[in-house]
Amino acid sequence: MNKNKLKDLKGEIYTKQLNESEIDLNPFAQFIKWMDDVINANIQHANAMVLSTVNSKGIPSSRTVLLKGLDKKGFIFFTNYLSEKAKDLKENPNASLLFFWKEFERQVRINGKVKKITKKESQKYFKTRPTESKLGAWASKQSETIPNREYLSDKYLKAKELFKNKDIPMPSYWGGYVLLPSTFEFWQGREMRLHDRIKYEKKKKDWKFVRLSP
């Protein structure tokens, strides 16, 4: 890697702005506006988000997951309940989400507490998954150490044979979570690194926002 080239990399040419007079008073509504912009632009992986957790030892961990649901309470994603992220969330339910859409020079950070959704809600979503994804949930014990790729492929084929011509049930160790936000921060890239940052925080039942220095 050329270190000189790395330090000389330039940012985007910023063309958009985020003004208090134009944003929604509700951060969920503001998020939906931005998500709609990305979806309507046919940007790949529009729902990709970085989920950051911290375990009981205070060690942070981040990974990209997919947003699969959004309601007035929070942001829903699905995973293996035996995974590293699930273990972290059991020890410490505080987590953060990060959405970054470089095509719009935007990012959104969301902090809050995470809890499991109901088994019924998880089953409803699981039924909509492609067959390959359902089988993958049975084949992979996420974060488990495995000897090689062939071991995983063999488990997939065994699951495929087991559920041949059958409805594939949801594994007991698989399901969804919802992050219940306490803060949102909307970031809009601007020229001269003087970016727009608007932060929302829950005050009792209402959301209040302030502008932050970049």
N, C-alpha and C. Protein backbone atom coordinates (compact mmCIF):
# COMPACT_ATOMS: atom_id res chain seq x y z
N MET A 1 0.84 -1.20 0.00
CA MET A 1 0.00 0.00 0.00
C MET A 1 0.87 1.24 0.00
N ASN A 2 0.57 2.18 -0.86
CA ASN A 2 1.29 3.44 -0.93
C ASN A 2 0.73 4.40 0.11
N LYS A 3 1.51 4.66 1.17
CA LYS A 3 1.02 5.50 2.27
C LYS A 3 0.78 6.93 1.82
N ASN A 4 1.58 7.43 0.88
CA ASN A 4 1.39 8.80 0.40
C ASN A 4 0.07 8.94 -0.34
N LYS A 5 -0.25 7.92 -1.14
CA LYS A 5 -1.53 7.95 -1.87
C LYS A 5 -2.70 7.90 -0.91
N LEU A 6 -2.55 7.11 0.17
CA LEU A 6 -3.62 6.97 1.15
C LEU A 6 -3.94 8.31 1.81
N LYS A 7 -2.93 9.01 2.26
CA LYS A 7 -3.16 10.28 2.95
C LYS A 7 -3.63 11.39 2.02
N ASP A 8 -3.38 11.23 0.71
CA ASP A 8 -3.78 12.26 -0.25
C ASP A 8 -5.16 12.03 -0.86
N LEU A 9 -5.83 10.95 -0.45
CA LEU A 9 -7.16 10.69 -0.99
C LEU A 9 -8.10 11.83 -0.64
N LYS A 10 -8.88 12.25 -1.59
CA LYS A 10 -9.80 13.37 -1.38
C LYS A 10 -11.22 12.86 -1.14
N GLY A 11 -12.04 13.71 -0.51
CA GLY A 11 -13.43 13.38 -0.27
C GLY A 11 -14.28 13.64 -1.50
N GLU A 12 -15.58 13.51 -1.32
CA GLU A 12 -16.51 13.73 -2.42
C GLU A 12 -16.68 15.22 -2.71
N ILE A 13 -17.29 15.51 -3.83
CA ILE A 13 -17.68 16.88 -4.14
C ILE A 13 -19.10 17.05 -3.62
N TYR A 14 -19.23 17.76 -2.51
CA TYR A 14 -20.51 17.83 -1.81
C TYR A 14 -21.45 18.84 -2.47
N THR A 15 -22.69 18.42 -2.69
CA THR A 15 -23.66 19.26 -3.39
C THR A 15 -24.96 19.47 -2.62
N LYS A 16 -25.16 18.69 -1.52
CA LYS A 16 -26.43 18.76 -0.80
C LYS A 16 -26.24 19.45 0.55
N GLN A 17 -27.36 19.74 1.22
CA GLN A 17 -27.30 20.37 2.53
C GLN A 17 -28.45 19.88 3.39
N LEU A 18 -28.33 20.13 4.70
CA LEU A 18 -29.34 19.70 5.66
C LEU A 18 -29.67 20.89 6.55
N ASN A 19 -30.84 21.46 6.34
CA ASN A 19 -31.25 22.67 7.06
C ASN A 19 -32.36 22.38 8.06
N GLU A 20 -32.32 23.07 9.18
CA GLU A 20 -33.34 22.88 10.21
C GLU A 20 -34.74 23.17 9.69
N SER A 21 -34.85 24.12 8.77
CA SER A 21 -36.16 24.51 8.25
C SER A 21 -36.78 23.44 7.35
N GLU A 22 -35.97 22.45 6.93
CA GLU A 22 -36.46 21.45 5.98
C GLU A 22 -36.59 20.06 6.58
N ILE A 23 -36.03 19.84 7.77
CA ILE A 23 -36.06 18.49 8.33
C ILE A 23 -37.38 18.23 9.05
N ASP A 24 -37.69 16.95 9.20
CA ASP A 24 -38.90 16.56 9.92
C ASP A 24 -38.65 16.60 11.41
N LEU A 25 -39.67 16.95 12.18
CA LEU A 25 -39.53 17.00 13.63
C LEU A 25 -39.38 15.61 14.24
N ASN A 26 -39.82 14.59 13.50
CA ASN A 26 -39.71 13.21 13.97
C ASN A 26 -38.55 12.53 13.25
N PRO A 27 -37.54 12.03 13.98
CA PRO A 27 -36.38 11.43 13.32
C PRO A 27 -36.70 10.18 12.51
N PHE A 28 -37.73 9.43 12.90
CA PHE A 28 -38.13 8.27 12.11
C PHE A 28 -38.60 8.72 10.72
N ALA A 29 -39.40 9.79 10.69
CA ALA A 29 -39.88 10.31 9.41
C ALA A 29 -38.73 10.85 8.57
N GLN A 30 -37.77 11.50 9.22
CA GLN A 30 -36.61 12.01 8.50
C GLN A 30 -35.78 10.87 7.93
N PHE A 31 -35.63 9.80 8.71
CA PHE A 31 -34.89 8.64 8.23
C PHE A 31 -35.57 8.02 7.01
N ILE A 32 -36.88 7.90 7.07
CA ILE A 32 -37.63 7.32 5.95
C ILE A 32 -37.45 8.16 4.69
N LYS A 33 -37.43 9.49 4.83
CA LYS A 33 -37.19 10.37 3.67
C LYS A 33 -35.86 10.02 3.01
N TRP A 34 -34.82 9.90 3.83
CA TRP A 34 -33.50 9.60 3.28
C TRP A 34 -33.44 8.19 2.72
N MET A 35 -34.04 7.23 3.39
CA MET A 35 -34.05 5.87 2.88
C MET A 35 -34.80 5.79 1.56
N ASP A 36 -35.90 6.50 1.45
CA ASP A 36 -36.65 6.53 0.20
C ASP A 36 -35.80 7.09 -0.94
N ASP A 37 -35.00 8.12 -0.65
CA ASP A 37 -34.10 8.68 -1.67
C ASP A 37 -33.15 7.61 -2.20
N VAL A 38 -32.60 6.82 -1.29
CA VAL A 38 -31.63 5.79 -1.67
C VAL A 38 -32.30 4.66 -2.45
N ILE A 39 -33.46 4.22 -1.96
CA ILE A 39 -34.18 3.14 -2.63
C ILE A 39 -34.62 3.56 -4.03
N ASN A 40 -35.14 4.78 -4.14
CA ASN A 40 -35.61 5.27 -5.45
C ASN A 40 -34.47 5.47 -6.44
N ALA A 41 -33.26 5.62 -5.93
CA ALA A 41 -32.09 5.76 -6.80
C ALA A 41 -31.50 4.40 -7.19
N ASN A 42 -32.16 3.32 -6.72
CA ASN A 42 -31.72 1.95 -7.04
C ASN A 42 -30.28 1.68 -6.62
N ILE A 43 -29.92 2.19 -5.46
CA ILE A 43 -28.57 1.98 -4.94
C ILE A 43 -28.50 0.60 -4.30
N GLN A 44 -27.48 -0.15 -4.65
CA GLN A 44 -27.32 -1.51 -4.14
C GLN A 44 -27.08 -1.51 -2.63
N HIS A 45 -27.67 -2.45 -1.94
CA HIS A 45 -27.53 -2.60 -0.50
C HIS A 45 -27.95 -1.34 0.25
N ALA A 46 -29.05 -0.76 -0.16
CA ALA A 46 -29.55 0.46 0.48
C ALA A 46 -29.83 0.25 1.96
N ASN A 47 -30.18 -0.98 2.33
CA ASN A 47 -30.55 -1.29 3.72
C ASN A 47 -29.40 -1.84 4.54
N ALA A 48 -28.18 -1.78 4.02
CA ALA A 48 -27.02 -2.26 4.78
C ALA A 48 -26.70 -1.28 5.90
N MET A 49 -26.40 -1.81 7.08
CA MET A 49 -26.08 -0.96 8.23
C MET A 49 -25.02 -1.64 9.07
N VAL A 50 -24.16 -0.85 9.68
CA VAL A 50 -23.14 -1.37 10.57
C VAL A 50 -23.73 -1.42 11.98
N LEU A 51 -23.76 -2.61 12.56
CA LEU A 51 -24.22 -2.81 13.92
C LEU A 51 -23.01 -2.94 14.83
N SER A 52 -22.92 -2.07 15.82
CA SER A 52 -21.81 -2.12 16.77
C SER A 52 -22.33 -2.51 18.15
N THR A 53 -21.64 -3.48 18.75
CA THR A 53 -22.01 -3.96 20.08
C THR A 53 -20.78 -3.90 20.98
N VAL A 54 -21.01 -4.03 22.29
CA VAL A 54 -19.92 -4.05 23.27
C VAL A 54 -20.21 -5.18 24.25
N ASN A 55 -19.22 -6.05 24.47
CA ASN A 55 -19.47 -7.18 25.38
C ASN A 55 -19.25 -6.78 26.84
N SER A 56 -19.35 -7.74 27.73
CA SER A 56 -19.25 -7.46 29.17
C SER A 56 -17.86 -7.00 29.58
N LYS A 57 -16.84 -7.26 28.74
CA LYS A 57 -15.48 -6.83 29.03
C LYS A 57 -15.17 -5.45 28.45
N GLY A 58 -16.18 -4.85 27.82
CA GLY A 58 -15.99 -3.53 27.24
C GLY A 58 -15.33 -3.54 25.87
N ILE A 59 -15.25 -4.71 25.24
CA ILE A 59 -14.62 -4.84 23.93
C ILE A 59 -15.67 -4.62 22.84
N PRO A 60 -15.46 -3.62 21.96
CA PRO A 60 -16.45 -3.35 20.91
C PRO A 60 -16.27 -4.28 19.72
N SER A 61 -17.35 -4.44 18.95
CA SER A 61 -17.32 -5.26 17.74
C SER A 61 -18.34 -4.70 16.76
N SER A 62 -17.95 -4.63 15.48
CA SER A 62 -18.85 -4.09 14.46
C SER A 62 -18.94 -5.05 13.29
N ARG A 63 -20.11 -5.08 12.66
CA ARG A 63 -20.32 -5.89 11.48
C ARG A 63 -21.50 -5.31 10.69
N THR A 64 -21.55 -5.63 9.41
CA THR A 64 -22.63 -5.13 8.56
C THR A 64 -23.77 -6.13 8.55
N VAL A 65 -24.98 -5.66 8.82
CA VAL A 65 -26.19 -6.47 8.75
C VAL A 65 -27.20 -5.73 7.89
N LEU A 66 -28.34 -6.35 7.65
CA LEU A 66 -29.36 -5.73 6.80
C LEU A 66 -30.58 -5.33 7.62
N LEU A 67 -31.04 -4.11 7.39
CA LEU A 67 -32.29 -3.66 7.99
C LEU A 67 -33.44 -4.37 7.30
N LYS A 68 -34.27 -5.07 8.07
CA LYS A 68 -35.36 -5.84 7.48
C LYS A 68 -36.74 -5.37 7.93
N GLY A 69 -36.78 -4.36 8.76
CA GLY A 69 -38.07 -3.84 9.20
C GLY A 69 -37.88 -2.54 9.94
N LEU A 70 -38.88 -1.68 9.86
CA LEU A 70 -38.85 -0.40 10.55
C LEU A 70 -40.28 -0.01 10.91
N ASP A 71 -40.51 0.25 12.20
CA ASP A 71 -41.81 0.74 12.62
C ASP A 71 -41.60 1.93 13.54
N LYS A 72 -42.67 2.40 14.19
CA LYS A 72 -42.57 3.60 15.02
C LYS A 72 -41.74 3.37 16.28
N LYS A 73 -41.41 2.11 16.58
CA LYS A 73 -40.61 1.80 17.76
C LYS A 73 -39.12 1.67 17.45
N GLY A 74 -38.80 1.01 16.33
CA GLY A 74 -37.39 0.79 16.09
C GLY A 74 -37.02 0.08 14.82
N PHE A 75 -35.75 -0.34 14.75
CA PHE A 75 -35.12 -0.90 13.56
C PHE A 75 -34.91 -2.40 13.77
N ILE A 76 -35.41 -3.20 12.83
CA ILE A 76 -35.43 -4.65 13.00
C ILE A 76 -34.41 -5.34 12.09
N PHE A 77 -33.68 -6.29 12.68
CA PHE A 77 -32.75 -7.12 11.91
C PHE A 77 -32.82 -8.54 12.46
N PHE A 78 -32.28 -9.49 11.68
CA PHE A 78 -32.37 -10.91 12.05
C PHE A 78 -30.97 -11.53 12.07
N THR A 79 -30.81 -12.54 12.92
CA THR A 79 -29.52 -13.19 13.03
C THR A 79 -29.65 -14.52 13.78
N ASN A 80 -28.52 -15.17 13.94
CA ASN A 80 -28.43 -16.39 14.73
C ASN A 80 -28.27 -15.99 16.20
N TYR A 81 -29.11 -16.53 17.07
CA TYR A 81 -29.05 -16.17 18.48
C TYR A 81 -27.84 -16.76 19.21
N LEU A 82 -27.04 -17.57 18.50
CA LEU A 82 -25.81 -18.11 19.09
C LEU A 82 -24.58 -17.37 18.58
N SER A 83 -24.78 -16.34 17.78
CA SER A 83 -23.68 -15.60 17.19
C SER A 83 -22.98 -14.70 18.20
N GLU A 84 -21.85 -14.17 17.79
CA GLU A 84 -21.10 -13.26 18.65
C GLU A 84 -21.91 -12.02 18.99
N LYS A 85 -22.60 -11.47 17.98
CA LYS A 85 -23.39 -10.26 18.23
C LYS A 85 -24.51 -10.54 19.23
N ALA A 86 -25.12 -11.73 19.13
CA ALA A 86 -26.20 -12.09 20.05
C ALA A 86 -25.67 -12.23 21.47
N LYS A 87 -24.48 -12.81 21.61
CA LYS A 87 -23.88 -12.94 22.94
C LYS A 87 -23.58 -11.56 23.53
N ASP A 88 -23.05 -10.66 22.68
CA ASP A 88 -22.79 -9.29 23.13
C ASP A 88 -24.07 -8.62 23.62
N LEU A 89 -25.14 -8.76 22.84
CA LEU A 89 -26.40 -8.09 23.17
C LEU A 89 -27.04 -8.66 24.43
N LYS A 90 -26.79 -9.94 24.70
CA LYS A 90 -27.30 -10.54 25.93
C LYS A 90 -26.58 -9.95 27.13
N GLU A 91 -25.27 -9.70 26.99
CA GLU A 91 -24.47 -9.14 28.07
C GLU A 91 -24.67 -7.63 28.20
N ASN A 92 -24.87 -6.97 27.06
CA ASN A 92 -25.01 -5.52 27.05
C ASN A 92 -25.95 -5.12 25.92
N PRO A 93 -27.20 -4.75 26.22
CA PRO A 93 -28.18 -4.46 25.18
C PRO A 93 -27.98 -3.12 24.47
N ASN A 94 -27.03 -2.31 24.94
CA ASN A 94 -26.77 -1.03 24.28
C ASN A 94 -25.99 -1.26 22.99
N ALA A 95 -26.45 -0.63 21.91
CA ALA A 95 -25.81 -0.83 20.61
C ALA A 95 -26.01 0.40 19.74
N SER A 96 -25.34 0.41 18.60
CA SER A 96 -25.50 1.52 17.66
C SER A 96 -25.60 0.98 16.24
N LEU A 97 -26.26 1.75 15.39
CA LEU A 97 -26.38 1.45 13.97
C LEU A 97 -25.76 2.60 13.18
N LEU A 98 -25.16 2.27 12.06
CA LEU A 98 -24.61 3.29 11.17
C LEU A 98 -25.00 2.97 9.73
N PHE A 99 -25.68 3.90 9.10
CA PHE A 99 -26.00 3.81 7.67
C PHE A 99 -25.10 4.81 6.95
N PHE A 100 -24.48 4.38 5.86
CA PHE A 100 -23.64 5.28 5.07
C PHE A 100 -24.00 5.12 3.60
N TRP A 101 -24.44 6.22 3.01
CA TRP A 101 -24.82 6.22 1.59
C TRP A 101 -23.93 7.23 0.87
N LYS A 102 -22.81 6.75 0.35
CA LYS A 102 -21.83 7.65 -0.25
C LYS A 102 -22.37 8.38 -1.47
N GLU A 103 -23.31 7.74 -2.18
CA GLU A 103 -23.87 8.38 -3.38
C GLU A 103 -24.62 9.67 -3.05
N PHE A 104 -25.11 9.78 -1.82
CA PHE A 104 -25.83 10.97 -1.39
C PHE A 104 -25.03 11.78 -0.36
N GLU A 105 -23.80 11.35 -0.11
CA GLU A 105 -22.94 12.04 0.86
C GLU A 105 -23.63 12.14 2.21
N ARG A 106 -24.23 11.02 2.64
CA ARG A 106 -25.03 11.03 3.87
C ARG A 106 -24.68 9.83 4.75
N GLN A 107 -24.84 10.05 6.05
CA GLN A 107 -24.80 8.93 6.99
C GLN A 107 -25.75 9.23 8.14
N VAL A 108 -26.22 8.16 8.77
CA VAL A 108 -27.10 8.27 9.93
C VAL A 108 -26.56 7.35 11.02
N ARG A 109 -26.40 7.91 12.22
CA ARG A 109 -26.00 7.12 13.38
C ARG A 109 -27.18 7.05 14.35
N ILE A 110 -27.43 5.86 14.86
CA ILE A 110 -28.57 5.64 15.76
C ILE A 110 -28.09 4.84 16.96
N ASN A 111 -28.31 5.35 18.16
CA ASN A 111 -27.97 4.64 19.39
C ASN A 111 -29.24 4.23 20.11
N GLY A 112 -29.17 3.11 20.81
CA GLY A 112 -30.33 2.68 21.58
C GLY A 112 -30.12 1.32 22.21
N LYS A 113 -31.19 0.77 22.74
CA LYS A 113 -31.16 -0.56 23.35
C LYS A 113 -31.81 -1.57 22.41
N VAL A 114 -31.29 -2.77 22.45
CA VAL A 114 -31.77 -3.84 21.57
C VAL A 114 -32.47 -4.91 22.39
N LYS A 115 -33.58 -5.41 21.85
CA LYS A 115 -34.26 -6.54 22.48
C LYS A 115 -34.78 -7.46 21.39
N LYS A 116 -35.05 -8.71 21.77
CA LYS A 116 -35.58 -9.68 20.81
C LYS A 116 -37.03 -9.32 20.46
N ILE A 117 -37.40 -9.58 19.22
CA ILE A 117 -38.80 -9.49 18.84
C ILE A 117 -39.45 -10.83 19.18
N THR A 118 -40.75 -10.94 19.01
CA THR A 118 -41.43 -12.17 19.38
C THR A 118 -41.11 -13.30 18.39
N LYS A 119 -41.25 -14.52 18.86
CA LYS A 119 -41.02 -15.68 18.01
C LYS A 119 -41.98 -15.67 16.82
N LYS A 120 -43.21 -15.24 17.06
CA LYS A 120 -44.22 -15.18 15.99
C LYS A 120 -43.78 -14.20 14.90
N GLU A 121 -43.23 -13.06 15.31
CA GLU A 121 -42.76 -12.07 14.32
C GLU A 121 -41.57 -12.63 13.54
N SER A 122 -40.67 -13.33 14.24
CA SER A 122 -39.51 -13.92 13.55
C SER A 122 -39.94 -14.99 12.56
N GLN A 123 -40.91 -15.83 12.95
CA GLN A 123 -41.39 -16.88 12.07
C GLN A 123 -42.06 -16.30 10.82
N LYS A 124 -42.79 -15.22 11.01
CA LYS A 124 -43.46 -14.57 9.89
C LYS A 124 -42.44 -14.12 8.85
N TYR A 125 -41.33 -13.53 9.31
CA TYR A 125 -40.29 -13.10 8.38
C TYR A 125 -39.56 -14.30 7.77
N PHE A 126 -39.25 -15.31 8.60
CA PHE A 126 -38.50 -16.46 8.12
C PHE A 126 -39.19 -17.12 6.93
N LYS A 127 -40.51 -17.17 6.97
CA LYS A 127 -41.27 -17.79 5.89
C LYS A 127 -41.08 -17.07 4.55
N THR A 128 -40.71 -15.79 4.59
CA THR A 128 -40.53 -15.01 3.36
C THR A 128 -39.12 -15.15 2.77
N ARG A 129 -38.23 -15.80 3.50
CA ARG A 129 -36.85 -15.91 3.04
C ARG A 129 -36.73 -16.91 1.89
N PRO A 130 -35.75 -16.72 0.99
CA PRO A 130 -35.51 -17.70 -0.07
C PRO A 130 -35.13 -19.05 0.54
N THR A 131 -35.40 -20.10 -0.18
CA THR A 131 -35.09 -21.44 0.31
C THR A 131 -33.62 -21.57 0.69
N GLU A 132 -32.72 -21.02 -0.12
CA GLU A 132 -31.29 -21.12 0.14
C GLU A 132 -30.93 -20.47 1.47
N SER A 133 -31.58 -19.35 1.78
CA SER A 133 -31.30 -18.66 3.04
C SER A 133 -31.83 -19.44 4.23
N LYS A 134 -32.98 -20.07 4.05
CA LYS A 134 -33.54 -20.90 5.13
C LYS A 134 -32.60 -22.06 5.43
N LEU A 135 -32.12 -22.72 4.37
CA LEU A 135 -31.21 -23.85 4.56
C LEU A 135 -29.89 -23.38 5.18
N GLY A 136 -29.45 -22.19 4.78
CA GLY A 136 -28.22 -21.65 5.33
C GLY A 136 -28.31 -21.43 6.83
N ALA A 137 -29.49 -21.04 7.29
CA ALA A 137 -29.69 -20.83 8.73
C ALA A 137 -29.54 -22.15 9.49
N TRP A 138 -29.93 -23.25 8.87
CA TRP A 138 -29.78 -24.57 9.50
C TRP A 138 -28.34 -25.07 9.40
N ALA A 139 -27.68 -24.73 8.31
CA ALA A 139 -26.33 -25.26 8.09
C ALA A 139 -25.27 -24.54 8.90
N SER A 140 -25.48 -23.24 9.16
CA SER A 140 -24.44 -22.45 9.80
C SER A 140 -24.79 -22.09 11.24
N LYS A 141 -23.94 -22.52 12.16
CA LYS A 141 -24.02 -22.05 13.55
C LYS A 141 -23.08 -20.85 13.62
N GLN A 142 -23.63 -19.70 13.35
CA GLN A 142 -22.83 -18.49 13.14
C GLN A 142 -21.79 -18.26 14.24
N SER A 143 -20.57 -17.92 13.82
CA SER A 143 -19.41 -17.64 14.68
C SER A 143 -18.76 -18.89 15.24
N GLU A 144 -19.31 -20.07 14.94
CA GLU A 144 -18.71 -21.33 15.37
C GLU A 144 -17.46 -21.63 14.54
N THR A 145 -16.40 -22.10 15.17
CA THR A 145 -15.19 -22.48 14.46
C THR A 145 -15.45 -23.76 13.67
N ILE A 146 -15.08 -23.74 12.38
CA ILE A 146 -15.27 -24.93 11.54
C ILE A 146 -13.94 -25.30 10.89
N PRO A 147 -13.75 -26.59 10.53
CA PRO A 147 -12.45 -27.03 10.00
C PRO A 147 -12.14 -26.53 8.60
N ASN A 148 -13.16 -26.40 7.75
CA ASN A 148 -12.92 -25.99 6.37
C ASN A 148 -14.25 -25.66 5.69
N ARG A 149 -14.17 -25.20 4.45
CA ARG A 149 -15.36 -24.83 3.67
C ARG A 149 -16.22 -26.06 3.37
N GLU A 150 -15.57 -27.19 3.12
CA GLU A 150 -16.29 -28.41 2.78
C GLU A 150 -17.22 -28.85 3.91
N TYR A 151 -16.80 -28.61 5.14
CA TYR A 151 -17.63 -28.95 6.30
C TYR A 151 -18.96 -28.19 6.24
N LEU A 152 -18.89 -26.90 5.90
CA LEU A 152 -20.09 -26.08 5.81
C LEU A 152 -20.97 -26.52 4.64
N SER A 153 -20.34 -26.80 3.51
CA SER A 153 -21.09 -27.24 2.33
C SER A 153 -21.81 -28.56 2.60
N ASP A 154 -21.15 -29.45 3.33
CA ASP A 154 -21.73 -30.74 3.67
C ASP A 154 -22.95 -30.57 4.57
N LYS A 155 -22.87 -29.66 5.52
CA LYS A 155 -24.00 -29.42 6.41
C LYS A 155 -25.17 -28.82 5.63
N TYR A 156 -24.87 -27.98 4.66
CA TYR A 156 -25.92 -27.39 3.82
C TYR A 156 -26.64 -28.49 3.02
N LEU A 157 -25.87 -29.39 2.44
CA LEU A 157 -26.45 -30.48 1.64
C LEU A 157 -27.29 -31.42 2.51
N LYS A 158 -26.84 -31.64 3.73
CA LYS A 158 -27.59 -32.50 4.64
C LYS A 158 -28.93 -31.84 5.02
N ALA A 159 -28.89 -30.52 5.23
CA ALA A 159 -30.13 -29.80 5.55
C ALA A 159 -31.07 -29.81 4.34
N LYS A 160 -30.49 -29.69 3.15
CA LYS A 160 -31.29 -29.72 1.92
C LYS A 160 -32.00 -31.06 1.77
N GLU A 161 -31.29 -32.14 2.09
CA GLU A 161 -31.88 -33.48 1.99
C GLU A 161 -32.91 -33.70 3.09
N LEU A 162 -32.63 -33.21 4.29
CA LEU A 162 -33.53 -33.37 5.42
C LEU A 162 -34.89 -32.74 5.16
N PHE A 163 -34.88 -31.56 4.54
CA PHE A 163 -36.13 -30.83 4.33
C PHE A 163 -36.64 -30.92 2.88
N LYS A 164 -36.18 -31.91 2.16
CA LYS A 164 -36.61 -32.10 0.78
C LYS A 164 -38.12 -32.28 0.72
N ASN A 165 -38.76 -31.49 -0.13
CA ASN A 165 -40.22 -31.53 -0.32
C ASN A 165 -41.00 -31.21 0.96
N LYS A 166 -40.39 -30.45 1.86
CA LYS A 166 -41.04 -30.07 3.11
C LYS A 166 -40.92 -28.56 3.32
N ASP A 167 -41.81 -28.02 4.14
CA ASP A 167 -41.65 -26.64 4.57
C ASP A 167 -40.47 -26.59 5.53
N ILE A 168 -39.60 -25.62 5.33
CA ILE A 168 -38.40 -25.51 6.18
C ILE A 168 -38.75 -24.66 7.40
N PRO A 169 -38.71 -25.24 8.59
CA PRO A 169 -39.06 -24.49 9.80
C PRO A 169 -37.93 -23.56 10.23
N MET A 170 -38.26 -22.58 11.02
CA MET A 170 -37.26 -21.67 11.57
C MET A 170 -36.49 -22.36 12.70
N PRO A 171 -35.16 -22.35 12.68
CA PRO A 171 -34.41 -22.96 13.78
C PRO A 171 -34.71 -22.24 15.10
N SER A 172 -34.63 -22.97 16.18
CA SER A 172 -34.92 -22.38 17.50
C SER A 172 -33.90 -21.34 17.89
N TYR A 173 -32.71 -21.40 17.29
CA TYR A 173 -31.63 -20.48 17.63
C TYR A 173 -31.54 -19.29 16.68
N TRP A 174 -32.59 -19.04 15.94
CA TRP A 174 -32.58 -17.96 14.93
C TRP A 174 -33.76 -17.04 15.17
N GLY A 175 -33.58 -15.72 14.93
CA GLY A 175 -34.70 -14.81 15.10
C GLY A 175 -34.29 -13.35 14.97
N GLY A 176 -35.20 -12.49 15.35
CA GLY A 176 -35.00 -11.06 15.13
C GLY A 176 -34.78 -10.25 16.39
N TYR A 177 -34.23 -9.07 16.16
CA TYR A 177 -34.03 -8.07 17.21
C TYR A 177 -34.60 -6.74 16.72
N VAL A 178 -34.91 -5.87 17.66
CA VAL A 178 -35.28 -4.51 17.33
C VAL A 178 -34.44 -3.56 18.17
N LEU A 179 -33.83 -2.57 17.53
CA LEU A 179 -33.12 -1.53 18.25
C LEU A 179 -34.08 -0.37 18.49
N LEU A 180 -34.25 -0.01 19.75
CA LEU A 180 -35.15 1.07 20.15
C LEU A 180 -34.32 2.33 20.35
N PRO A 181 -34.40 3.30 19.45
CA PRO A 181 -33.49 4.44 19.47
C PRO A 181 -33.69 5.39 20.66
N SER A 182 -32.56 5.91 21.14
CA SER A 182 -32.57 7.00 22.12
C SER A 182 -32.01 8.28 21.49
N THR A 183 -31.14 8.11 20.47
CA THR A 183 -30.61 9.26 19.72
C THR A 183 -30.47 8.90 18.25
N PHE A 184 -30.61 9.93 17.41
CA PHE A 184 -30.32 9.84 15.98
C PHE A 184 -29.34 10.96 15.65
N GLU A 185 -28.44 10.72 14.73
CA GLU A 185 -27.65 11.82 14.18
C GLU A 185 -27.61 11.71 12.67
N PHE A 186 -28.06 12.76 11.99
CA PHE A 186 -28.06 12.82 10.53
C PHE A 186 -26.88 13.68 10.08
N TRP A 187 -26.06 13.13 9.20
CA TRP A 187 -24.86 13.80 8.72
C TRP A 187 -24.97 14.00 7.21
N GLN A 188 -24.79 15.24 6.80
CA GLN A 188 -24.80 15.56 5.37
C GLN A 188 -23.47 16.18 5.02
N GLY A 189 -22.74 15.56 4.09
CA GLY A 189 -21.45 16.10 3.69
C GLY A 189 -21.58 17.47 3.05
N ARG A 190 -20.68 18.38 3.44
CA ARG A 190 -20.67 19.74 2.89
C ARG A 190 -19.25 20.12 2.50
N GLU A 191 -19.14 21.17 1.73
CA GLU A 191 -17.85 21.64 1.27
C GLU A 191 -17.00 22.16 2.44
N MET A 192 -15.67 22.18 2.24
CA MET A 192 -14.68 22.66 3.22
C MET A 192 -14.72 21.89 4.53
N ARG A 193 -15.27 20.67 4.50
CA ARG A 193 -15.40 19.83 5.69
C ARG A 193 -16.32 20.44 6.75
N LEU A 194 -17.11 21.43 6.37
CA LEU A 194 -18.07 22.03 7.29
C LEU A 194 -19.41 21.31 7.13
N HIS A 195 -19.41 20.05 7.50
CA HIS A 195 -20.56 19.19 7.27
C HIS A 195 -21.74 19.57 8.17
N ASP A 196 -22.94 19.22 7.72
CA ASP A 196 -24.15 19.40 8.53
C ASP A 196 -24.34 18.20 9.43
N ARG A 197 -24.57 18.46 10.72
CA ARG A 197 -24.86 17.38 11.68
C ARG A 197 -26.05 17.80 12.53
N ILE A 198 -27.12 17.04 12.42
CA ILE A 198 -28.32 17.29 13.22
C ILE A 198 -28.57 16.09 14.12
N LYS A 199 -28.62 16.34 15.42
CA LYS A 199 -28.80 15.26 16.39
C LYS A 199 -30.17 15.37 17.06
N TYR A 200 -30.90 14.25 17.08
CA TYR A 200 -32.19 14.15 17.77
C TYR A 200 -32.00 13.36 19.06
N GLU A 201 -32.66 13.79 20.11
CA GLU A 201 -32.63 13.06 21.38
C GLU A 201 -34.02 13.03 21.98
N LYS A 202 -34.37 11.89 22.55
CA LYS A 202 -35.71 11.72 23.13
C LYS A 202 -35.78 12.43 24.48
N LYS A 203 -36.73 13.34 24.62
CA LYS A 203 -36.98 14.05 25.86
C LYS A 203 -38.39 13.71 26.31
N LYS A 204 -38.47 12.77 27.27
CA LYS A 204 -39.75 12.22 27.70
C LYS A 204 -40.43 11.59 26.50
N LYS A 205 -41.54 12.13 26.01
CA LYS A 205 -42.23 11.53 24.87
C LYS A 205 -41.93 12.23 23.55
N ASP A 206 -41.19 13.33 23.62
CA ASP A 206 -40.94 14.13 22.42
C ASP A 206 -39.47 14.04 21.99
N TRP A 207 -39.26 14.28 20.70
CA TRP A 207 -37.92 14.33 20.15
C TRP A 207 -37.50 15.80 19.99
N LYS A 208 -36.28 16.11 20.40
CA LYS A 208 -35.73 17.44 20.25
C LYS A 208 -34.44 17.32 19.43
N PHE A 209 -34.17 18.32 18.59
CA PHE A 209 -32.95 18.26 17.79
C PHE A 209 -32.08 19.50 17.98
N VAL A 210 -30.79 19.31 17.80
CA VAL A 210 -29.81 20.40 17.86
C VAL A 210 -28.85 20.23 16.70
N ARG A 211 -28.17 21.30 16.34
CA ARG A 211 -27.11 21.23 15.33
C ARG A 211 -25.78 21.07 16.05
N LEU A 212 -24.95 20.16 15.54
CA LEU A 212 -23.61 19.94 16.09
C LEU A 212 -22.53 20.49 15.17
N SER A 213 -21.45 20.92 15.76
CA SER A 213 -20.31 21.34 14.98
C SER A 213 -19.69 20.11 14.30
N PRO A 214 -19.23 20.25 13.07
CA PRO A 214 -18.63 19.10 12.38
C PRO A 214 -17.27 18.74 12.94
